[in-house]
Protein backbone atom coordinates (compact mmCIF):
# COMPACT_ATOMS: atom_id res chain seq x y z
CA MET A 1 0.01 -0.15 -0.12
CA GLY A 2 2.75 2.36 0.70
CA GLU A 3 4.19 2.40 -2.83
CA ARG A 4 0.76 3.10 -3.94
CA ALA A 5 0.14 6.10 -1.82
CA LEU A 6 3.37 7.73 -3.00
CA SER A 7 2.15 7.76 -6.82
CA GLU A 8 -1.55 8.47 -6.12
CA PRO A 9 -2.53 11.39 -7.91
CA ASP A 10 -5.28 12.85 -5.39
CA PRO A 11 -3.70 14.62 -2.34
CA LEU A 12 -6.28 13.50 0.22
CA ILE A 13 -6.18 9.89 -1.05
CA ALA A 14 -2.64 9.94 -0.92
CA ALA A 15 -2.31 11.22 2.43
CA VAL A 16 -5.11 8.81 4.19
CA MET A 17 -3.20 5.85 2.85
CA THR A 18 0.21 7.09 4.12
CA GLY A 19 -1.03 7.94 7.41
CA GLY A 20 -2.35 4.51 7.32
CA VAL A 21 0.76 3.06 6.81
CA ALA A 22 2.50 5.19 9.72
CA ARG A 23 -0.35 4.43 11.99
CA HIS A 24 -0.40 0.64 11.32
CA ASP A 25 3.28 -0.30 10.86
CA VAL A 26 5.69 2.37 11.89
CA ALA A 27 8.57 0.25 12.71
CA GLY A 28 8.48 -2.03 10.02
CA ARG A 29 7.96 1.08 7.28
CA ALA A 30 10.44 3.57 9.10
CA ALA A 31 12.59 3.75 5.86
CA TRP A 32 9.55 4.43 3.63
CA LEU A 33 8.15 7.01 5.86
CA PHE A 34 11.11 8.70 5.77
CA GLY A 35 11.33 8.84 2.38
CA ALA A 36 7.65 10.30 1.93
CA LEU A 37 8.94 13.15 3.57
CA ALA A 38 10.98 14.08 0.50
CA SER A 39 10.04 17.69 -1.10
CA ARG A 40 9.03 15.62 -4.20
CA HIS A 41 5.63 14.23 -2.70
CA LEU A 42 2.66 16.16 -2.19
CA PRO A 43 2.52 18.17 1.26
CA ALA A 44 -0.40 16.51 2.45
CA VAL A 45 1.32 13.18 1.85
CA ARG A 46 4.69 14.53 3.95
CA ALA A 47 2.40 15.88 6.65
CA ALA A 48 0.75 12.57 7.09
CA ALA A 49 4.10 10.84 7.12
CA ALA A 50 5.15 13.13 10.05
């Protein structure tokens, strides 16, 4: 689901998907979440990853 979230064109859906990853598997997806903070991603996605 994480990879799909970062390619989702709808900012709201991308943020919700990213938030779901962050809430359900922080330890297992820490590297992915760190990558989601990159400036190339939508602000909503970066906020959800934080």
